[in-house]
């Protein structure tokens, strides 16, 4: 994995925003919603469908220790991906993404300007469209270089060109020699 992918993964790990259900009834309800039927949950846990229904309605409140561990594992396995998915939807739809980095930025510009790459420490808030492009690229297996290019395009538009009010002759921005890259969404 590259720097961009690592930054997204780190942010996802820090984003355990909501704990999974703690009660047996809540856990079974969540599993029923995810798997669709008591029979599917029973197969997952190694119990009967009747046992699952008893847990759901509260008739049986204390499963065996091994079954309780299986229930907890099954819930946790399915819970975090949902939290991550929900957490990624919001920046892609409304908030955008904040990128903090120290890297060498180079650009292609008009003749007579200083376009040599140099180290800069930047914290830039990118619009939701860039967050969506970044998450889509990661989900489709894009390389680190491709994800860097998306961030570089966002930096070009937001930071270097200031939304179209300056540096209009700037054609490409490149990010190289990344010291660190952090994302916040």
Protein backbone atom coordinates (compact mmCIF):
# COMPACT_ATOMS: atom_id res chain seq x y z
CA UNK A 1 0.00 0.00 0.00
CA UNK A 2 1.10 3.55 -0.68
CA UNK A 3 0.91 6.74 1.34
CA UNK A 4 -2.58 7.68 0.15
CA UNK A 5 -4.05 4.26 0.83
CA UNK A 6 -2.36 4.18 4.26
CA UNK A 7 -3.82 7.60 5.10
CA UNK A 8 -7.34 6.48 4.20
CA UNK A 9 -6.90 3.25 6.19
CA UNK A 10 -5.58 5.17 9.23
CA UNK A 11 -8.52 7.57 9.12
CA UNK A 12 -10.95 4.65 8.87
CA UNK A 13 -9.43 2.96 11.93
CA UNK A 14 -9.77 6.15 13.92
CA UNK A 15 -13.39 6.44 12.84
CA UNK A 16 -15.00 3.81 15.04
CA UNK A 17 -17.81 6.30 15.50
CA UNK A 18 -20.49 4.10 16.98
CA UNK A 19 -20.23 0.94 19.04
CA UNK A 20 -22.09 -2.19 17.91
CA UNK A 21 -25.19 -3.37 19.83
CA UNK A 22 -24.31 -4.74 23.25
CA UNK A 23 -27.47 -6.57 24.25
CA UNK A 24 -28.15 -10.06 22.97
CA UNK A 25 -31.50 -8.95 21.57
CA UNK A 26 -29.86 -6.03 19.75
CA UNK A 27 -27.08 -8.19 18.35
CA UNK A 28 -29.50 -10.84 17.07
CA UNK A 29 -31.72 -8.12 15.58
CA UNK A 30 -28.71 -6.67 13.74
CA UNK A 31 -27.68 -10.10 12.43
CA UNK A 32 -31.23 -10.82 11.29
CA UNK A 33 -31.28 -7.53 9.41
CA UNK A 34 -27.91 -8.28 7.77
CA UNK A 35 -28.44 -11.94 6.93
CA UNK A 36 -32.17 -11.82 6.19
CA UNK A 37 -33.54 -14.81 8.10
CA UNK A 38 -33.32 -16.73 11.36
CA UNK A 39 -32.16 -19.76 9.39
CA UNK A 40 -29.19 -17.84 7.91
CA UNK A 41 -28.24 -16.49 11.35
CA UNK A 42 -28.55 -20.00 12.82
CA UNK A 43 -26.18 -21.39 10.17
CA UNK A 44 -23.69 -18.62 10.91
CA UNK A 45 -23.79 -19.26 14.67
CA UNK A 46 -24.11 -23.04 14.68
CA UNK A 47 -27.45 -23.10 16.53
CA UNK A 48 -31.04 -23.79 15.51
CA UNK A 49 -33.39 -21.23 13.99
CA UNK A 50 -35.66 -21.71 17.03
CA UNK A 51 -32.78 -20.66 19.31
CA UNK A 52 -32.22 -17.54 17.21
CA UNK A 53 -35.92 -16.66 17.49
CA UNK A 54 -35.83 -17.22 21.25
CA UNK A 55 -32.83 -14.86 21.53
CA UNK A 56 -34.64 -12.30 19.36
CA UNK A 57 -37.81 -12.21 21.44
CA UNK A 58 -35.94 -12.39 24.76
CA UNK A 59 -37.20 -15.84 25.82
CA UNK A 60 -33.59 -17.01 26.10
CA UNK A 61 -31.28 -14.34 27.52
CA UNK A 62 -28.02 -16.16 28.20
CA UNK A 63 -26.49 -18.22 25.40
CA UNK A 64 -23.63 -20.62 26.02
CA UNK A 65 -20.23 -18.92 26.18
CA UNK A 66 -19.12 -20.29 22.79
CA UNK A 67 -22.35 -19.14 21.12
CA UNK A 68 -22.09 -15.71 22.78
CA UNK A 69 -18.55 -15.35 21.39
CA UNK A 70 -19.76 -16.34 17.90
CA UNK A 71 -22.58 -13.79 18.09
CA UNK A 72 -20.18 -11.05 19.17
CA UNK A 73 -17.69 -11.94 16.41
CA UNK A 74 -20.40 -12.04 13.72
CA UNK A 75 -21.73 -8.63 14.77
CA UNK A 76 -18.31 -6.99 14.92
CA UNK A 77 -17.31 -8.47 11.56
CA UNK A 78 -20.33 -6.84 9.88
CA UNK A 79 -20.59 -3.66 11.94
CA UNK A 80 -17.39 -1.76 11.14
CA UNK A 81 -17.72 -1.92 7.33
CA UNK A 82 -21.15 -0.31 7.67
CA UNK A 83 -19.77 2.44 9.90
CA UNK A 84 -16.95 3.09 7.42
CA UNK A 85 -19.33 3.14 4.47
CA UNK A 86 -21.63 5.60 6.25
CA UNK A 87 -18.67 7.74 7.30
CA UNK A 88 -17.40 7.95 3.71
CA UNK A 89 -20.79 8.92 2.28
CA UNK A 90 -20.99 12.20 4.19
CA UNK A 91 -17.72 13.80 3.01
CA UNK A 92 -18.36 12.63 -0.52
CA UNK A 93 -21.83 14.17 -0.47
CA UNK A 94 -21.55 17.34 1.61
CA UNK A 95 -18.41 18.03 3.63
CA UNK A 96 -15.43 17.23 1.47
CA UNK A 97 -12.06 16.06 2.74
CA UNK A 98 -9.14 17.81 4.43
CA UNK A 99 -5.67 16.80 3.28
CA UNK A 100 -2.57 17.68 5.30
CA UNK A 101 0.79 16.86 3.79
CA UNK A 102 4.42 17.79 3.53
CA UNK A 103 5.65 16.91 0.08
CA UNK A 104 7.49 18.20 -2.95
CA UNK A 105 5.08 19.99 -5.27
CA UNK A 106 6.03 20.64 -8.87
CA UNK A 107 3.97 22.08 -11.66
CA UNK A 108 3.89 22.82 -15.34
CA UNK A 109 3.47 26.56 -15.88
CA UNK A 110 4.10 29.33 -18.36
CA UNK A 111 7.68 30.11 -19.45
CA UNK A 112 9.45 32.51 -17.13
CA UNK A 113 7.77 31.33 -13.94
CA UNK A 114 9.34 29.31 -11.14
CA UNK A 115 7.84 25.90 -11.60
CA UNK A 116 10.62 23.87 -9.94
CA UNK A 117 9.40 21.46 -7.33
CA UNK A 118 9.84 22.44 -3.70
CA UNK A 119 8.76 21.12 -0.34
CA UNK A 120 5.60 22.63 1.08
CA UNK A 121 3.53 21.83 4.13
CA UNK A 122 -0.10 22.25 3.14
CA UNK A 123 -3.45 21.73 4.79
CA UNK A 124 -6.17 22.08 2.19
CA UNK A 125 -9.89 21.35 2.37
CA UNK A 126 -10.98 19.72 -0.89
CA UNK A 127 -14.60 19.86 -2.11
CA UNK A 128 -16.91 16.81 -1.93
CA UNK A 129 -16.30 15.91 -5.59
CA UNK A 130 -12.64 15.14 -4.84
CA UNK A 131 -13.57 13.04 -1.80
CA UNK A 132 -15.98 11.04 -3.96
CA UNK A 133 -13.36 10.55 -6.69
CA UNK A 134 -10.76 9.47 -4.11
CA UNK A 135 -13.07 6.90 -2.46
CA UNK A 136 -14.25 5.59 -5.85
CA UNK A 137 -10.65 5.22 -7.01
CA UNK A 138 -9.71 3.31 -3.86
CA UNK A 139 -12.73 1.01 -4.16
CA UNK A 140 -11.85 0.17 -7.77
CA UNK A 141 -8.26 -0.70 -6.87
CA UNK A 142 -6.51 2.41 -8.14
CA UNK A 143 -2.77 2.71 -7.62
CA UNK A 144 -1.29 5.11 -5.11
CA UNK A 145 -0.07 7.27 -7.99
CA UNK A 146 -3.61 7.58 -9.37
CA UNK A 147 -4.96 8.59 -5.95
CA UNK A 148 -2.12 11.12 -5.58
CA UNK A 149 -3.13 12.60 -8.93
CA UNK A 150 -6.69 13.16 -7.69
CA UNK A 151 -5.33 14.97 -4.62
CA UNK A 152 -2.92 16.96 -6.81
CA UNK A 153 -5.81 18.08 -9.05
CA UNK A 154 -7.70 19.21 -5.97
CA UNK A 155 -4.66 21.13 -4.70
CA UNK A 156 -4.27 22.75 -8.12
CA UNK A 157 -7.88 23.96 -8.14
CA UNK A 158 -8.26 24.95 -4.48
CA UNK A 159 -4.79 26.03 -3.36
CA UNK A 160 -2.71 27.02 -6.37
CA UNK A 161 -5.48 28.52 -8.53
CA UNK A 162 -7.65 29.62 -5.60
CA UNK A 163 -10.85 28.45 -7.27
CA UNK A 164 -10.02 30.16 -10.56
CA UNK A 165 -8.89 33.57 -9.33
CA UNK A 166 -5.13 33.16 -9.95
CA UNK A 167 -2.44 31.05 -11.66
CA UNK A 168 -4.71 30.19 -14.58
CA UNK A 169 -1.66 29.27 -16.73
CA UNK A 170 -0.89 26.37 -14.39
CA UNK A 171 -1.55 23.13 -16.22
CA UNK A 172 -0.40 20.25 -13.98
CA UNK A 173 0.56 19.83 -10.34
CA UNK A 174 2.59 16.85 -9.18
CA UNK A 175 3.08 15.51 -5.66
CA UNK A 176 6.42 13.77 -5.07
CA UNK A 177 8.62 12.81 -2.11
CA UNK A 178 5.80 12.71 0.45
CA UNK A 179 7.06 13.06 4.04
CA UNK A 180 3.57 12.46 5.45
CA UNK A 181 -0.03 12.55 4.31
CA UNK A 182 -3.05 12.73 6.62
CA UNK A 183 -6.71 12.83 5.67
CA UNK A 184 -9.65 13.97 7.74
CA UNK A 185 -13.25 13.47 6.79
